[in-house]
Amino acid sequence: MADLHPPLGGVHEASLYVSDLERAERFWRRLGLPLIGRSRGRHAFFRAGADLLLIFNPQATLAVGGEVPPHGATGPGHVALDVPDMTALERWRACLGQADVPIEAEVGWPSGGRSLYFRDPDGNSIELITRGTWGF
């Protein structure tokens, strides 16, 4: 079967939109993600393994006239962060507990993978999912 599209290496960046960038930055730093860039009032960028988690103020990113096309969202979004194995997932469970971040749900998938779900201060749904859950 022919390839349906040119090759992809994965999702390089995932974005969440928040109402208070400083609060979001404190939250993600408390969970240990390294801050790699910021623009006051517009964004904070974090390293998430080999990829990036971008946190934006949609009021700033919806503005027309910048180098990047306008983008934004309202309401809770979702992002799933890759966790290499169950040992790492248990370490994340402990990290969330130490940071007083409640786990909203835990799911065991038919493939044997597991997910933990929690919310950021803006209500975005964050999933920590073990690698291999979807067959890769």
Protein backbone atom coordinates (compact mmCIF):
# COMPACT_ATOMS: atom_id res chain seq x y z
CA MET A 1 0.00 0.00 0.00
CA ALA A 2 1.35 3.44 -0.91
CA ASP A 3 2.02 5.99 1.83
CA LEU A 4 -0.95 8.30 2.35
CA HIS A 5 1.25 11.30 3.11
CA PRO A 6 4.91 12.28 3.37
CA PRO A 7 6.64 11.07 6.57
CA LEU A 8 6.01 12.64 9.95
CA GLY A 9 8.17 12.39 13.04
CA GLY A 10 5.30 12.95 15.48
CA VAL A 11 3.72 15.95 17.15
CA HIS A 12 6.50 18.50 17.76
CA GLU A 13 4.40 20.91 19.82
CA ALA A 14 1.10 20.77 21.65
CA SER A 15 -0.71 23.94 22.75
CA LEU A 16 -3.02 24.85 25.59
CA TYR A 17 -4.75 28.20 26.03
CA VAL A 18 -5.04 29.81 29.45
CA SER A 19 -6.44 32.96 31.00
CA ASP A 20 -3.50 33.59 33.36
CA LEU A 21 -0.02 32.88 31.98
CA GLU A 22 1.80 33.53 35.25
CA ARG A 23 -0.44 31.06 37.10
CA ALA A 24 0.04 28.49 34.33
CA GLU A 25 3.80 28.97 34.41
CA ARG A 26 3.89 28.41 38.17
CA PHE A 27 1.76 25.24 37.74
CA TRP A 28 3.96 23.65 35.07
CA ARG A 29 7.19 24.61 36.83
CA ARG A 30 5.82 23.08 40.05
CA LEU A 31 5.43 19.83 38.08
CA GLY A 32 9.06 20.10 36.99
CA LEU A 33 8.74 21.02 33.31
CA PRO A 34 11.63 23.27 32.28
CA LEU A 35 10.64 26.69 30.99
CA ILE A 36 12.47 27.30 27.72
CA GLY A 37 10.89 30.55 26.54
CA ARG A 38 8.39 33.21 27.43
CA SER A 39 6.87 36.37 26.10
CA ARG A 40 5.08 38.29 28.85
CA GLY A 41 1.35 38.37 28.20
CA ARG A 42 1.58 36.04 25.17
CA HIS A 43 3.14 32.65 25.88
CA ALA A 44 5.27 30.33 28.00
CA PHE A 45 7.01 27.36 26.38
CA PHE A 46 8.04 24.22 28.28
CA ARG A 47 10.17 21.20 27.42
CA ALA A 48 8.09 18.01 27.63
CA GLY A 49 10.52 15.19 26.96
CA ALA A 50 11.73 15.56 23.37
CA ASP A 51 8.82 17.85 22.50
CA LEU A 52 7.30 21.17 23.56
CA LEU A 53 4.22 22.15 25.51
CA LEU A 54 3.16 25.66 24.49
CA ILE A 55 0.94 27.70 26.80
CA PHE A 56 -0.74 30.68 25.17
CA ASN A 57 -2.93 33.61 26.12
CA PRO A 58 -5.60 33.39 23.37
CA GLN A 59 -6.30 37.13 23.63
CA ALA A 60 -2.75 37.73 22.38
CA THR A 61 -2.52 34.91 19.84
CA LEU A 62 -5.82 35.74 18.15
CA ALA A 63 -4.49 39.17 17.19
CA VAL A 64 -3.96 39.65 13.46
CA GLY A 65 -0.70 41.04 12.13
CA GLY A 66 2.00 38.91 13.69
CA GLU A 67 4.52 36.63 12.08
CA VAL A 68 2.42 33.55 12.98
CA PRO A 69 -1.20 33.26 11.81
CA PRO A 70 -3.80 33.98 14.51
CA HIS A 71 -4.82 31.00 16.65
CA GLY A 72 -6.60 30.37 19.92
CA ALA A 73 -9.29 28.41 21.70
CA THR A 74 -11.81 28.86 24.46
CA GLY A 75 -12.97 26.25 26.91
CA PRO A 76 -11.01 23.30 28.21
CA GLY A 77 -8.59 21.65 25.83
CA HIS A 78 -6.78 18.33 26.07
CA VAL A 79 -3.22 17.14 25.66
CA ALA A 80 -1.73 13.70 26.33
CA LEU A 81 1.88 13.53 27.44
CA ASP A 82 3.87 10.37 26.72
CA VAL A 83 5.16 8.45 29.74
CA PRO A 84 7.68 5.68 28.96
CA ASP A 85 6.37 2.98 31.32
CA MET A 86 4.40 2.13 34.46
CA THR A 87 7.33 2.98 36.72
CA ALA A 88 7.41 6.50 35.30
CA LEU A 89 3.61 6.76 35.58
CA GLU A 90 3.86 5.88 39.30
CA ARG A 91 6.55 8.54 39.72
CA TRP A 92 4.16 11.03 38.09
CA ARG A 93 1.40 9.95 40.49
CA ALA A 94 3.73 10.79 43.39
CA CYS A 95 4.78 14.10 41.75
CA LEU A 96 1.15 15.14 41.32
CA GLY A 97 0.42 14.25 44.94
CA GLN A 98 3.39 16.27 46.19
CA ALA A 99 2.22 19.24 44.09
CA ASP A 100 -1.34 18.90 45.46
CA VAL A 101 -2.72 18.25 41.97
CA PRO A 102 -5.68 15.86 42.20
CA ILE A 103 -5.94 12.97 39.76
CA GLU A 104 -9.33 13.24 38.10
CA ALA A 105 -9.41 9.78 36.52
CA GLU A 106 -7.30 6.72 35.85
CA VAL A 107 -7.97 4.51 32.85
CA GLY A 108 -6.66 1.05 32.03
CA TRP A 109 -6.71 0.52 28.28
CA PRO A 110 -7.42 -2.84 26.55
CA SER A 111 -3.81 -2.92 25.28
CA GLY A 112 -2.53 -2.85 28.86
CA GLY A 113 -1.56 0.83 28.80
CA ARG A 114 -2.69 3.24 31.50
CA SER A 115 -3.58 6.91 31.70
CA LEU A 116 -3.80 9.39 34.55
CA TYR A 117 -5.90 12.52 34.00
CA PHE A 118 -5.67 15.81 35.87
CA ARG A 119 -6.58 19.45 35.21
CA ASP A 120 -4.46 22.56 34.98
CA PRO A 121 -5.71 25.72 36.75
CA ASP A 122 -7.70 26.70 33.61
CA GLY A 123 -9.54 23.37 33.45
CA ASN A 124 -7.55 21.90 30.55
CA SER A 125 -7.54 18.10 30.67
CA ILE A 126 -4.00 16.73 30.92
CA GLU A 127 -3.40 13.04 30.32
CA LEU A 128 -0.26 11.10 31.17
CA ILE A 129 -0.34 7.97 28.99
CA THR A 130 2.07 5.05 28.94
CA ARG A 131 3.96 4.46 25.72
CA GLY A 132 2.63 1.62 23.58
CA THR A 133 -1.00 2.14 24.52
CA TRP A 134 -1.96 2.68 20.89
CA GLY A 135 0.40 0.03 19.51
CA PHE A 136 3.50 2.18 19.16
